[in-house]
Amino acid sequence: MSSQPNYIREYLNYASKNESPEMFHVWMAYGTISAAIGRRVYMLHGESAIYPNIYVLLVGAAGGGKTTALGKARKLIAELRNVPLTIS
């Protein structure tokens, strides 16, 4: 995955060595970026602000590593202060 941005590579190193598919970890990496920056970053489109919200839904068979991938992301986000996190 050398074509991925540096943060994604680093996140994959952090989250590796478990049963979750790499693609789950890639999407959780994007989700952590979105959660960390929240509404502090935006792009103006005319007079409207566009925020980089990302909602990630992992879909797979039971025991496919969804919870493991989510747990790694949750642990990383929990280390930040004032970042709201909702997980269902």
Protein backbone atom coordinates (compact mmCIF):
# COMPACT_ATOMS: atom_id res chain seq x y z
CA MET A 1 0.00 0.00 0.00
CA SER A 2 2.87 2.36 -0.72
CA SER A 3 0.53 4.66 -2.68
CA GLN A 4 -1.45 5.51 0.48
CA PRO A 5 -0.72 8.73 2.42
CA ASN A 6 1.78 8.42 5.27
CA TYR A 7 -0.90 8.51 7.97
CA ILE A 8 -2.65 5.52 6.43
CA ARG A 9 0.60 3.53 6.31
CA GLU A 10 1.34 4.42 9.93
CA TYR A 11 -2.18 3.53 11.00
CA LEU A 12 -1.90 0.16 9.22
CA ASN A 13 1.34 -0.51 11.14
CA TYR A 14 -0.44 0.43 14.38
CA ALA A 15 -3.49 -1.74 13.65
CA SER A 16 -1.81 -4.75 12.04
CA LYS A 17 -1.19 -8.22 13.39
CA ASN A 18 -4.81 -9.26 13.91
CA GLU A 19 -7.55 -11.04 12.00
CA SER A 20 -9.19 -7.93 10.54
CA PRO A 21 -8.83 -7.41 6.79
CA GLU A 22 -6.49 -4.59 5.84
CA MET A 23 -9.33 -2.74 4.08
CA PHE A 24 -11.24 -2.49 7.39
CA HIS A 25 -8.20 -0.80 8.92
CA VAL A 26 -7.83 1.55 5.93
CA TRP A 27 -11.42 2.74 6.39
CA MET A 28 -10.98 3.05 10.15
CA ALA A 29 -7.90 5.20 9.49
CA TYR A 30 -10.00 7.56 7.37
CA GLY A 31 -12.64 7.55 10.09
CA THR A 32 -10.09 8.53 12.75
CA ILE A 33 -8.92 11.45 10.61
CA SER A 34 -12.50 12.65 10.24
CA ALA A 35 -13.18 12.30 13.96
CA ALA A 36 -9.98 14.09 14.93
CA ILE A 37 -10.50 17.14 12.75
CA GLY A 38 -14.26 17.33 13.24
CA ARG A 39 -15.72 20.70 12.29
CA ARG A 40 -12.43 22.55 12.70
CA VAL A 41 -11.58 22.11 9.01
CA TYR A 42 -13.83 23.03 6.12
CA MET A 43 -13.85 24.10 2.49
CA LEU A 44 -15.94 27.00 1.27
CA HIS A 45 -18.30 26.25 -1.58
CA GLY A 46 -19.87 29.55 -2.48
CA GLU A 47 -21.24 30.79 0.84
CA SER A 48 -21.54 27.32 2.35
CA ALA A 49 -18.96 25.43 4.36
CA ILE A 50 -18.35 21.78 3.49
CA TYR A 51 -17.01 19.69 6.37
CA PRO A 52 -15.04 16.48 5.82
CA ASN A 53 -17.42 14.20 7.70
CA ILE A 54 -16.88 10.52 7.02
CA TYR A 55 -19.27 7.87 8.21
CA VAL A 56 -17.79 4.38 8.05
CA LEU A 57 -19.83 1.19 8.03
CA LEU A 58 -17.92 -2.07 8.07
CA VAL A 59 -19.85 -4.93 6.50
CA GLY A 60 -18.76 -8.52 6.75
CA ALA A 61 -19.53 -11.93 8.12
CA ALA A 62 -19.69 -12.61 11.85
CA GLY A 63 -16.18 -13.10 13.16
CA GLY A 64 -14.71 -11.24 10.18
CA GLY A 65 -12.75 -8.71 12.24
CA LYS A 66 -15.14 -5.74 12.23
CA THR A 67 -15.09 -5.30 16.02
CA THR A 68 -11.31 -5.70 16.17
CA ALA A 69 -10.77 -2.99 13.55
CA LEU A 70 -13.25 -0.71 15.29
CA GLY A 71 -11.58 -1.31 18.66
CA LYS A 72 -8.21 -0.16 17.34
CA ALA A 73 -9.75 3.06 15.99
CA ARG A 74 -11.73 3.65 19.18
CA LYS A 75 -8.59 3.27 21.30
CA LEU A 76 -6.71 5.81 19.19
CA ILE A 77 -9.56 8.36 19.22
CA ALA A 78 -10.08 7.91 22.97
CA GLU A 79 -6.58 9.29 23.54
CA LEU A 80 -7.70 12.63 22.07
CA ARG A 81 -9.66 15.08 24.19
CA ASN A 82 -13.01 16.59 23.19
CA VAL A 83 -13.61 14.27 20.25
CA PRO A 84 -17.18 12.96 20.28
CA LEU A 85 -17.39 9.31 19.32
CA THR A 86 -20.54 7.31 18.73
CA ILE A 87 -20.28 3.62 18.05
CA SER A 88 -23.24 1.34 17.54
